[in-house]
């Protein structure tokens, strides 16, 4: 069941309620009994591990700029 965060305008308390999505926008009463509450915008953090390419290990190419053949 989804969790929704609310803030009480009367006492400033922030609290959460678990309720069906069909009741997401229904009024909520804070734990202190105040009815003047607002639903807070929830944020969702999505993280992932995308594969990244890395440079190959070891020495470089050769030729005149690193191959040791030039004098």
C-alpha atoms as a PDB file:
ATOM      1  CA  UNK A   1       0.000   0.000   0.000  1.00  0.00           C
ATOM      2  CA  UNK A   2       1.425   3.437  -0.885  1.00  0.00           C
ATOM      3  CA  UNK A   3       2.695   5.800   1.781  1.00  0.00           C
ATOM      4  CA  UNK A   4       1.794   9.491   1.697  1.00  0.00           C
ATOM      5  CA  UNK A   5       3.442  12.309   3.636  1.00  0.00           C
ATOM      6  CA  UNK A   6       1.396  15.113   5.174  1.00  0.00           C
ATOM      7  CA  UNK A   7       2.134  18.298   7.116  1.00  0.00           C
ATOM      8  CA  UNK A   8      -0.173  19.853   9.671  1.00  0.00           C
ATOM      9  CA  UNK A   9      -0.680  23.588   9.177  1.00  0.00           C
ATOM     10  CA  UNK A  10      -1.780  24.016  12.788  1.00  0.00           C
ATOM     11  CA  UNK A  11       1.126  22.444  14.677  1.00  0.00           C
ATOM     12  CA  UNK A  12       3.724  21.906  11.932  1.00  0.00           C
ATOM     13  CA  UNK A  13       3.950  18.144  12.471  1.00  0.00           C
ATOM     14  CA  UNK A  14       4.965  16.014   9.498  1.00  0.00           C
ATOM     15  CA  UNK A  15       3.490  12.515   9.385  1.00  0.00           C
ATOM     16  CA  UNK A  16       2.844   9.680   6.967  1.00  0.00           C
ATOM     17  CA  UNK A  17      -0.172   7.545   6.227  1.00  0.00           C
ATOM     18  CA  UNK A  18      -0.492   4.291   4.340  1.00  0.00           C
ATOM     19  CA  UNK A  19      -3.670   4.211   2.304  1.00  0.00           C
ATOM     20  CA  UNK A  20      -4.965   2.934  -1.030  1.00  0.00           C
ATOM     21  CA  UNK A  21      -4.234   5.083  -4.076  1.00  0.00           C
ATOM     22  CA  UNK A  22      -7.959   5.717  -4.437  1.00  0.00           C
ATOM     23  CA  UNK A  23      -7.781   7.605  -1.113  1.00  0.00           C
ATOM     24  CA  UNK A  24      -4.553   9.499  -1.882  1.00  0.00           C
ATOM     25  CA  UNK A  25      -6.200  12.934  -1.916  1.00  0.00           C
ATOM     26  CA  UNK A  26      -8.642  12.355   0.938  1.00  0.00           C
ATOM     27  CA  UNK A  27      -8.284  14.680   3.952  1.00  0.00           C
ATOM     28  CA  UNK A  28      -5.970  13.537   6.727  1.00  0.00           C
ATOM     29  CA  UNK A  29      -5.989  14.290  10.447  1.00  0.00           C
ATOM     30  CA  UNK A  30      -2.630  14.824  12.137  1.00  0.00           C
ATOM     31  CA  UNK A  31      -1.635  12.728  15.172  1.00  0.00           C
ATOM     32  CA  UNK A  32      -2.518  15.724  17.407  1.00  0.00           C
ATOM     33  CA  UNK A  33      -6.076  15.751  16.013  1.00  0.00           C
ATOM     34  CA  UNK A  34      -5.810  18.811  13.761  1.00  0.00           C
ATOM     35  CA  UNK A  35      -7.656  18.654  10.465  1.00  0.00           C
ATOM     36  CA  UNK A  36      -5.831  21.458   8.615  1.00  0.00           C
ATOM     37  CA  UNK A  37      -3.263  19.322   6.771  1.00  0.00           C
ATOM     38  CA  UNK A  38      -1.698  19.262   3.328  1.00  0.00           C
ATOM     39  CA  UNK A  39      -0.287  16.360   1.363  1.00  0.00           C
ATOM     40  CA  UNK A  40       3.398  16.805   0.594  1.00  0.00           C
ATOM     41  CA  UNK A  41       4.920  16.150  -2.782  1.00  0.00           C
ATOM     42  CA  UNK A  42       6.908  12.943  -2.580  1.00  0.00           C
ATOM     43  CA  UNK A  43      10.179  12.550  -4.392  1.00  0.00           C
ATOM     44  CA  UNK A  44      11.511   9.347  -5.804  1.00  0.00           C
ATOM     45  CA  UNK A  45      15.201   8.746  -6.186  1.00  0.00           C
ATOM     46  CA  UNK A  46      16.167   6.353  -8.927  1.00  0.00           C
ATOM     47  CA  UNK A  47      19.729   5.170  -9.054  1.00  0.00           C
ATOM     48  CA  UNK A  48      21.310   2.581 -11.244  1.00  0.00           C
ATOM     49  CA  UNK A  49      24.608   1.174 -12.239  1.00  0.00           C
ATOM     50  CA  UNK A  50      25.014   1.693 -15.931  1.00  0.00           C
ATOM     51  CA  UNK A  51      27.978  -0.064 -17.458  1.00  0.00           C
ATOM     52  CA  UNK A  52      30.807   2.312 -18.219  1.00  0.00           C
ATOM     53  CA  UNK A  53      33.634   1.781 -20.650  1.00  0.00           C
ATOM     54  CA  UNK A  54      37.119   2.002 -19.279  1.00  0.00           C
ATOM     55  CA  UNK A  55      40.373   2.529 -21.069  1.00  0.00           C
ATOM     56  CA  UNK A  56      42.309  -0.679 -21.598  1.00  0.00           C
ATOM     57  CA  UNK A  57      45.044  -1.369 -19.086  1.00  0.00           C
ATOM     58  CA  UNK A  58      48.688  -1.410 -20.033  1.00  0.00           C
ATOM     59  CA  UNK A  59      51.072   0.683 -22.114  1.00  0.00           C
ATOM     60  CA  UNK A  60      50.180   2.530 -25.211  1.00  0.00           C
ATOM     61  CA  UNK A  61      50.476   2.140 -28.866  1.00  0.00           C
ATOM     62  CA  UNK A  62      53.920   2.425 -30.355  1.00  0.00           C
ATOM     63  CA  UNK A  63      55.229   4.327 -33.298  1.00  0.00           C
ATOM     64  CA  UNK A  64      57.103   7.548 -32.805  1.00  0.00           C
ATOM     65  CA  UNK A  65      55.223   8.607 -29.703  1.00  0.00           C
ATOM     66  CA  UNK A  66      55.938   5.945 -27.165  1.00  0.00           C
ATOM     67  CA  UNK A  67      57.095   2.816 -28.872  1.00  0.00           C
ATOM     68  CA  UNK A  68      60.774   3.267 -28.056  1.00  0.00           C
ATOM     69  CA  UNK A  69      61.871   3.012 -31.677  1.00  0.00           C
ATOM     70  CA  UNK A  70      62.873   6.631 -32.130  1.00  0.00           C
ATOM     71  CA  UNK A  71      66.135   7.908 -31.042  1.00  0.00           C
END
